């Protein structure tokens, strides 16, 4: 079953990392990607631009409403995601627990509707 693993962290804290801390975090994410690639569960994933670059779109009646920024003010923001193919929720949780962002943020594990 496919799952979307959304990496939710405080983007201000991540942005405040020094060069050495940032390089160490990048190395951890690279190692995670390599391990999951070897296991054959990684279907894709990307890092997202910060919420300051986000645009929110709503339609009310016939009117399209566009706003800069995210829809909700939250402590943590979705900073990236992985899509994985796991046997079940238990394996998806195990994979999510290895994402470096789980150590200082939250990983939301959500199953994808299968057709």
N, C-alpha and C. Protein backbone atom coordinates (compact mmCIF):
# COMPACT_ATOMS: atom_id res chain seq x y z
N UNK A 1 0.84 -1.17 0.00
CA UNK A 1 0.00 0.00 0.00
C UNK A 1 0.89 1.24 0.00
N UNK A 2 0.45 2.26 -0.72
CA UNK A 2 1.24 3.49 -0.79
C UNK A 2 0.85 4.43 0.35
N UNK A 3 1.85 5.11 0.88
CA UNK A 3 1.66 6.08 1.96
C UNK A 3 2.43 7.35 1.62
N UNK A 4 1.86 8.48 2.02
CA UNK A 4 2.55 9.75 1.93
C UNK A 4 3.04 10.07 3.33
N UNK A 5 4.33 10.31 3.45
CA UNK A 5 4.95 10.65 4.73
C UNK A 5 5.29 12.14 4.66
N UNK A 6 4.51 12.97 5.35
CA UNK A 6 4.70 14.41 5.31
C UNK A 6 5.59 14.84 6.47
N UNK A 7 6.65 15.53 6.15
CA UNK A 7 7.64 15.96 7.13
C UNK A 7 7.24 17.34 7.62
N UNK A 8 6.82 17.44 8.88
CA UNK A 8 6.35 18.70 9.45
C UNK A 8 7.33 19.16 10.52
N UNK A 9 7.97 20.28 10.28
CA UNK A 9 8.94 20.82 11.21
C UNK A 9 8.76 22.33 11.31
N UNK A 10 9.45 22.94 12.25
CA UNK A 10 9.45 24.39 12.38
C UNK A 10 10.46 24.92 11.36
N UNK A 11 9.97 25.49 10.27
CA UNK A 11 10.88 25.92 9.20
C UNK A 11 11.82 27.03 9.66
N UNK A 12 11.43 27.80 10.67
CA UNK A 12 12.33 28.83 11.19
C UNK A 12 13.53 28.20 11.89
N UNK A 13 13.29 27.14 12.65
CA UNK A 13 14.38 26.45 13.34
C UNK A 13 15.31 25.79 12.33
N UNK A 14 14.74 25.18 11.30
CA UNK A 14 15.57 24.55 10.27
C UNK A 14 16.38 25.60 9.53
N UNK A 15 15.75 26.74 9.23
CA UNK A 15 16.44 27.82 8.54
C UNK A 15 17.54 28.47 9.36
N UNK A 16 17.46 28.32 10.68
CA UNK A 16 18.46 28.92 11.57
C UNK A 16 19.67 28.02 11.80
N UNK A 17 19.66 26.83 11.22
CA UNK A 17 20.80 25.93 11.41
C UNK A 17 22.05 26.54 10.80
N UNK A 18 23.16 26.34 11.48
CA UNK A 18 24.44 26.79 10.94
C UNK A 18 24.87 25.87 9.80
N UNK A 19 25.93 26.27 9.08
CA UNK A 19 26.38 25.48 7.94
C UNK A 19 26.72 24.02 8.29
N UNK A 20 27.38 23.81 9.42
CA UNK A 20 27.76 22.45 9.79
C UNK A 20 26.52 21.62 10.16
N UNK A 21 25.58 22.23 10.90
CA UNK A 21 24.37 21.52 11.27
C UNK A 21 23.52 21.21 10.04
N UNK A 22 23.44 22.16 9.12
CA UNK A 22 22.69 21.96 7.89
C UNK A 22 23.29 20.84 7.05
N UNK A 23 24.62 20.82 6.95
CA UNK A 23 25.29 19.76 6.19
C UNK A 23 25.06 18.40 6.84
N UNK A 24 25.08 18.36 8.17
CA UNK A 24 24.85 17.09 8.88
C UNK A 24 23.43 16.60 8.63
N UNK A 25 22.45 17.52 8.65
CA UNK A 25 21.07 17.12 8.41
C UNK A 25 20.91 16.61 6.98
N UNK A 26 21.51 17.31 6.02
CA UNK A 26 21.44 16.87 4.63
C UNK A 26 22.03 15.47 4.48
N UNK A 27 23.13 15.21 5.17
CA UNK A 27 23.75 13.88 5.11
C UNK A 27 22.81 12.81 5.68
N UNK A 28 22.08 13.16 6.74
CA UNK A 28 21.13 12.21 7.33
C UNK A 28 20.00 11.89 6.35
N UNK A 29 19.49 12.93 5.67
CA UNK A 29 18.43 12.70 4.69
C UNK A 29 18.95 11.89 3.50
N UNK A 30 20.18 12.14 3.09
CA UNK A 30 20.77 11.37 2.00
C UNK A 30 20.89 9.90 2.38
N UNK A 31 21.35 9.65 3.61
CA UNK A 31 21.47 8.26 4.08
C UNK A 31 20.10 7.59 4.15
N UNK A 32 19.09 8.32 4.62
CA UNK A 32 17.73 7.76 4.67
C UNK A 32 17.28 7.38 3.26
N UNK A 33 17.44 8.28 2.29
CA UNK A 33 17.03 8.01 0.92
C UNK A 33 17.73 6.81 0.32
N UNK A 34 19.03 6.69 0.61
CA UNK A 34 19.79 5.54 0.10
C UNK A 34 19.31 4.24 0.73
N UNK A 35 19.07 4.25 2.04
CA UNK A 35 18.60 3.04 2.72
C UNK A 35 17.22 2.61 2.19
N UNK A 36 16.31 3.56 2.06
CA UNK A 36 14.97 3.22 1.58
C UNK A 36 14.99 2.81 0.11
N UNK A 37 15.90 3.39 -0.66
CA UNK A 37 16.07 2.97 -2.05
C UNK A 37 16.53 1.53 -2.13
N UNK A 38 17.49 1.16 -1.27
CA UNK A 38 17.96 -0.24 -1.24
C UNK A 38 16.84 -1.19 -0.84
N UNK A 39 15.98 -0.75 0.08
CA UNK A 39 14.87 -1.59 0.51
C UNK A 39 13.77 -1.68 -0.55
N UNK A 40 13.79 -0.78 -1.50
CA UNK A 40 12.81 -0.81 -2.57
C UNK A 40 11.45 -0.25 -2.19
N UNK A 41 11.38 0.57 -1.13
CA UNK A 41 10.10 1.12 -0.69
C UNK A 41 9.89 2.57 -1.11
N UNK A 42 10.94 3.25 -1.49
CA UNK A 42 10.85 4.68 -1.80
C UNK A 42 10.35 4.90 -3.22
N UNK A 43 9.20 5.57 -3.34
CA UNK A 43 8.62 5.87 -4.64
C UNK A 43 8.94 7.28 -5.10
N UNK A 44 9.28 8.16 -4.17
CA UNK A 44 9.60 9.53 -4.51
C UNK A 44 9.60 10.40 -3.27
N UNK A 45 9.98 11.62 -3.46
CA UNK A 45 9.99 12.57 -2.35
C UNK A 45 10.66 13.86 -2.79
N UNK A 46 10.31 14.92 -2.12
CA UNK A 46 10.88 16.23 -2.45
C UNK A 46 10.89 17.11 -1.22
N UNK A 47 11.82 18.04 -1.22
CA UNK A 47 11.84 19.11 -0.23
C UNK A 47 11.00 20.25 -0.79
N UNK A 48 10.21 20.88 0.06
CA UNK A 48 9.37 21.98 -0.38
C UNK A 48 10.00 23.33 -0.04
N UNK A 49 9.69 24.34 -0.83
CA UNK A 49 10.12 25.70 -0.54
C UNK A 49 9.40 26.16 0.73
N UNK A 50 9.88 27.20 1.40
CA UNK A 50 9.25 27.66 2.64
C UNK A 50 7.85 28.22 2.41
N UNK A 51 7.09 28.33 3.50
CA UNK A 51 5.71 28.82 3.40
C UNK A 51 5.64 30.25 2.89
N UNK A 52 6.73 31.00 3.00
CA UNK A 52 6.72 32.37 2.46
C UNK A 52 6.57 32.35 0.94
N UNK A 53 6.86 31.22 0.31
CA UNK A 53 6.70 31.08 -1.14
C UNK A 53 5.38 30.42 -1.52
N UNK A 54 4.56 30.09 -0.52
CA UNK A 54 3.30 29.37 -0.77
C UNK A 54 2.21 30.31 -1.27
N UNK A 55 1.28 29.75 -2.00
CA UNK A 55 0.07 30.44 -2.44
C UNK A 55 -1.11 29.55 -2.11
N UNK A 56 -2.14 30.14 -1.54
CA UNK A 56 -3.36 29.40 -1.18
C UNK A 56 -4.47 29.79 -2.15
N UNK A 57 -5.17 28.81 -2.67
CA UNK A 57 -6.26 29.04 -3.62
C UNK A 57 -7.55 28.47 -3.04
N UNK A 58 -8.61 29.28 -3.07
CA UNK A 58 -9.95 28.85 -2.66
C UNK A 58 -10.93 29.30 -3.73
N UNK A 59 -11.99 28.55 -3.88
CA UNK A 59 -13.07 28.96 -4.79
C UNK A 59 -14.33 29.10 -3.94
N UNK A 60 -14.94 30.26 -3.98
CA UNK A 60 -16.20 30.53 -3.28
C UNK A 60 -17.19 31.03 -4.31
N UNK A 61 -18.18 30.19 -4.60
CA UNK A 61 -19.10 30.52 -5.68
C UNK A 61 -18.34 30.48 -6.99
N UNK A 62 -18.36 31.58 -7.72
CA UNK A 62 -17.62 31.67 -8.98
C UNK A 62 -16.32 32.43 -8.82
N UNK A 63 -15.99 32.81 -7.59
CA UNK A 63 -14.81 33.64 -7.36
C UNK A 63 -13.62 32.79 -6.92
N UNK A 64 -12.48 32.99 -7.56
CA UNK A 64 -11.23 32.34 -7.18
C UNK A 64 -10.49 33.31 -6.27
N UNK A 65 -10.24 32.87 -5.05
CA UNK A 65 -9.55 33.69 -4.06
C UNK A 65 -8.13 33.18 -3.90
N UNK A 66 -7.17 34.05 -4.11
CA UNK A 66 -5.76 33.69 -4.04
C UNK A 66 -5.11 34.51 -2.94
N UNK A 67 -4.33 33.86 -2.08
CA UNK A 67 -3.64 34.55 -1.00
C UNK A 67 -2.20 34.05 -0.91
N UNK A 68 -1.32 34.92 -0.51
CA UNK A 68 0.07 34.52 -0.28
C UNK A 68 0.14 33.77 1.05
N UNK A 69 1.02 32.79 1.09
CA UNK A 69 1.26 32.08 2.33
C UNK A 69 0.37 30.87 2.52
N UNK A 70 0.59 30.17 3.63
CA UNK A 70 -0.17 28.95 3.92
C UNK A 70 -1.58 29.28 4.41
N UNK A 71 -2.42 28.28 4.39
CA UNK A 71 -3.81 28.43 4.82
C UNK A 71 -3.89 28.66 6.33
N UNK A 72 -3.11 27.94 7.10
CA UNK A 72 -3.22 27.98 8.56
C UNK A 72 -1.90 28.43 9.19
N UNK A 73 -2.03 29.14 10.28
CA UNK A 73 -0.87 29.49 11.10
C UNK A 73 -0.61 28.31 12.04
N UNK A 74 0.51 27.66 11.89
CA UNK A 74 0.83 26.51 12.73
C UNK A 74 2.27 26.60 13.19
N UNK A 75 2.59 25.86 14.24
CA UNK A 75 3.95 25.83 14.75
C UNK A 75 4.88 25.07 13.80
N UNK A 76 4.34 24.02 13.19
CA UNK A 76 5.12 23.22 12.25
C UNK A 76 4.53 23.36 10.86
N UNK A 77 5.40 23.31 9.86
CA UNK A 77 4.98 23.42 8.48
C UNK A 77 5.45 22.19 7.72
N UNK A 78 4.71 21.83 6.66
CA UNK A 78 5.14 20.72 5.80
C UNK A 78 6.34 21.20 5.00
N UNK A 79 7.48 20.59 5.25
CA UNK A 79 8.71 21.00 4.59
C UNK A 79 9.15 20.05 3.49
N UNK A 80 8.49 18.91 3.42
CA UNK A 80 8.83 17.93 2.40
C UNK A 80 8.01 16.68 2.60
N UNK A 81 8.24 15.72 1.75
CA UNK A 81 7.46 14.48 1.82
C UNK A 81 8.21 13.35 1.14
N UNK A 82 7.83 12.15 1.50
CA UNK A 82 8.25 10.94 0.80
C UNK A 82 6.99 10.15 0.48
N UNK A 83 6.98 9.49 -0.65
CA UNK A 83 5.94 8.53 -0.96
C UNK A 83 6.61 7.16 -0.92
N UNK A 84 6.01 6.26 -0.14
CA UNK A 84 6.59 4.93 0.01
C UNK A 84 5.55 3.87 -0.30
N UNK A 85 6.03 2.70 -0.62
CA UNK A 85 5.19 1.53 -0.83
C UNK A 85 5.51 0.56 0.30
N UNK A 86 4.63 0.50 1.29
CA UNK A 86 4.86 -0.33 2.47
C UNK A 86 3.86 -1.48 2.50
N UNK A 87 4.25 -2.57 3.16
CA UNK A 87 3.36 -3.72 3.30
C UNK A 87 2.07 -3.34 4.02
N UNK A 88 2.22 -2.50 5.08
CA UNK A 88 1.07 -2.14 5.92
C UNK A 88 1.44 -0.89 6.71
N UNK A 89 0.51 -0.45 7.56
CA UNK A 89 0.74 0.76 8.36
C UNK A 89 1.94 0.59 9.28
N UNK A 90 2.13 -0.59 9.83
CA UNK A 90 3.27 -0.81 10.72
C UNK A 90 4.59 -0.54 10.01
N UNK A 91 4.74 -1.03 8.78
CA UNK A 91 5.97 -0.77 8.05
C UNK A 91 6.09 0.71 7.69
N UNK A 92 4.98 1.35 7.33
CA UNK A 92 5.01 2.78 7.02
C UNK A 92 5.47 3.59 8.23
N UNK A 93 4.99 3.22 9.42
CA UNK A 93 5.41 3.89 10.65
C UNK A 93 6.89 3.66 10.91
N UNK A 94 7.35 2.45 10.69
CA UNK A 94 8.77 2.13 10.88
C UNK A 94 9.63 2.96 9.94
N UNK A 95 9.21 3.10 8.70
CA UNK A 95 9.94 3.93 7.73
C UNK A 95 9.92 5.39 8.18
N UNK A 96 8.76 5.88 8.58
CA UNK A 96 8.63 7.27 9.02
C UNK A 96 9.53 7.56 10.20
N UNK A 97 9.69 6.60 11.08
CA UNK A 97 10.52 6.80 12.28
C UNK A 97 11.99 7.01 11.94
N UNK A 98 12.39 6.63 10.74
CA UNK A 98 13.78 6.79 10.32
C UNK A 98 14.05 8.12 9.60
N UNK A 99 13.00 8.87 9.28
CA UNK A 99 13.18 10.17 8.64
C UNK A 99 13.81 11.11 9.66
N UNK A 100 14.91 11.78 9.30
CA UNK A 100 15.59 12.66 10.26
C UNK A 100 14.67 13.70 10.90
N UNK A 101 13.69 14.22 10.17
CA UNK A 101 12.79 15.22 10.72
C UNK A 101 11.94 14.72 11.87
N UNK A 102 11.81 13.41 12.02
CA UNK A 102 11.03 12.85 13.13
C UNK A 102 11.68 13.14 14.48
N UNK A 103 12.97 13.43 14.48
CA UNK A 103 13.69 13.70 15.73
C UNK A 103 13.40 15.09 16.30
N UNK A 104 12.95 16.01 15.45
CA UNK A 104 12.69 17.37 15.94
C UNK A 104 11.36 17.92 15.45
N UNK A 105 10.58 17.10 14.76
CA UNK A 105 9.27 17.52 14.26
C UNK A 105 8.32 16.34 14.28
N UNK A 106 7.43 16.33 13.31
CA UNK A 106 6.41 15.30 13.23
C UNK A 106 6.35 14.75 11.80
N UNK A 107 6.15 13.46 11.68
CA UNK A 107 5.92 12.86 10.36
C UNK A 107 4.47 12.39 10.34
N UNK A 108 3.69 12.97 9.44
CA UNK A 108 2.31 12.51 9.29
C UNK A 108 2.30 11.40 8.24
N UNK A 109 1.77 10.25 8.63
CA UNK A 109 1.70 9.08 7.77
C UNK A 109 0.26 8.98 7.29
N UNK A 110 0.09 9.10 5.98
CA UNK A 110 -1.28 9.07 5.45
C UNK A 110 -1.36 8.10 4.28
N UNK A 111 -2.31 7.12 4.35
CA UNK A 111 -2.47 6.21 3.23
C UNK A 111 -3.05 6.92 2.02
N UNK A 112 -2.66 6.46 0.86
CA UNK A 112 -3.14 7.03 -0.40
C UNK A 112 -4.30 6.15 -0.90
N UNK A 113 -5.37 6.81 -1.33
CA UNK A 113 -6.50 6.06 -1.90
C UNK A 113 -6.01 5.28 -3.11
N UNK A 114 -6.28 4.02 -3.10
CA UNK A 114 -5.95 3.17 -4.25
C UNK A 114 -7.20 3.07 -5.12
N UNK A 115 -7.01 3.09 -6.41
CA UNK A 115 -8.15 3.02 -7.33
C UNK A 115 -8.66 1.63 -7.49
